[in-house]
Protein backbone atom coordinates (compact mmCIF):
# COMPACT_ATOMS: atom_id res chain seq x y z
CA MET A 1 -66.01 -74.39 36.54
CA ARG A 2 -62.71 -76.09 37.28
CA LYS A 3 -61.12 -75.54 40.61
CA GLY A 4 -58.53 -72.76 40.58
CA THR A 5 -59.83 -71.01 37.48
CA MET A 6 -61.30 -67.55 37.40
CA PRO A 7 -64.61 -66.78 35.71
CA HIS A 8 -64.34 -65.20 32.27
CA ARG A 9 -64.02 -61.44 32.39
CA ARG A 10 -64.36 -59.06 29.51
CA ASN A 11 -61.13 -57.53 28.40
CA PRO A 12 -61.43 -53.74 28.87
CA ASN A 13 -58.91 -53.23 26.06
CA ARG A 14 -61.02 -55.24 23.62
CA LYS A 15 -62.89 -52.17 22.36
CA VAL A 16 -59.61 -50.35 21.76
CA GLU A 17 -58.22 -53.39 19.92
CA SER A 18 -61.37 -53.53 17.82
CA LEU A 19 -61.06 -49.84 16.90
CA ASN A 20 -57.41 -50.31 16.00
CA LEU A 21 -58.30 -53.25 13.77
CA ARG A 22 -61.03 -51.22 12.08
CA ALA A 23 -58.62 -48.34 11.49
CA LYS A 24 -56.05 -50.72 10.00
CA LEU A 25 -58.66 -52.31 7.73
CA ALA A 26 -59.92 -48.89 6.66
CA LYS A 27 -56.38 -47.78 5.86
CA LEU A 28 -55.75 -50.95 3.85
CA MET A 29 -59.03 -50.58 1.97
CA ASN A 30 -58.29 -46.92 1.25
CA ALA A 31 -54.90 -47.85 -0.18
CA LYS A 32 -56.41 -50.59 -2.32
CA LEU A 33 -59.23 -48.34 -3.52
CA LEU A 34 -56.79 -45.57 -4.44
CA GLY A 35 -54.68 -48.06 -6.35
CA LEU A 36 -57.71 -49.43 -8.19
CA PHE A 37 -58.94 -45.93 -8.98
CA ARG A 38 -55.49 -44.93 -10.26
CA HIS A 39 -55.41 -47.96 -12.59
CA LEU A 40 -58.92 -47.24 -13.86
CA LEU A 41 -57.99 -43.62 -14.57
CA THR A 42 -54.83 -44.73 -16.36
CA PHE A 43 -56.74 -47.33 -18.40
CA GLY A 44 -59.43 -44.84 -19.40
CA GLY A 45 -56.83 -42.21 -20.14
CA GLY A 46 -54.86 -44.67 -22.26
CA PHE A 47 -57.99 -45.19 -24.32
CA LEU A 48 -58.34 -41.42 -24.78
CA VAL A 49 -54.68 -41.12 -25.80
CA ALA A 50 -55.02 -44.01 -28.25
CA LYS A 51 -58.04 -42.33 -29.85
CA GLY A 52 -56.08 -39.07 -30.11
CA TRP A 53 -58.48 -37.13 -27.89
CA MET A 54 -55.78 -36.33 -25.29
CA ASP A 55 -51.99 -36.25 -25.19
CA ALA A 56 -49.95 -38.31 -22.70
CA GLU A 57 -48.67 -35.31 -20.72
CA THR A 58 -52.20 -34.07 -20.07
CA LEU A 59 -53.25 -37.56 -19.02
CA ALA A 60 -50.40 -37.84 -16.52
CA SER A 61 -51.24 -34.43 -15.05
CA LEU A 62 -54.96 -35.18 -14.73
CA VAL A 63 -54.45 -38.63 -13.17
CA GLY A 64 -51.93 -37.22 -10.70
CA ALA A 65 -54.23 -34.35 -9.76
CA ALA A 66 -57.23 -36.66 -9.30
CA ILE A 67 -55.30 -39.07 -7.07
CA THR A 68 -53.93 -36.15 -5.02
CA VAL A 69 -57.38 -34.64 -4.47
CA ILE A 70 -58.97 -38.00 -3.61
CA GLY A 71 -56.10 -38.89 -1.26
CA ASN A 72 -56.45 -35.58 0.56
CA VAL A 73 -60.22 -35.97 0.90
CA MET A 74 -59.80 -39.50 2.29
CA SER A 75 -57.13 -38.24 4.67
CA VAL A 76 -59.41 -35.54 6.04
CA LYS A 77 -62.29 -38.01 6.48
CA ALA A 78 -60.08 -40.63 8.18
CA PRO A 79 -60.44 -41.13 11.94
CA GLU A 80 -57.83 -39.34 14.02
CA LYS A 81 -55.02 -41.38 15.53
CA GLY A 82 -54.62 -41.47 19.27
CA GLU A 83 -58.11 -40.28 20.14
């Protein structure tokens, strides 16, 4: 060890920083997954509309309802902030 340097100590805030990073990554992944799911629903719904099995208004309502329900479920399951 060089003269005048202190031995390495663990940063007590490291665990908190790690949890914050995990929460940020989870939030980013949730946003990306919701976006991907929304596009898949829209693509599948577009196919149904093109085949004449569903009208566009019904598709918009169903996709919106599905995204709302999934977003609420993910929000409830998300870790609480500040705890």
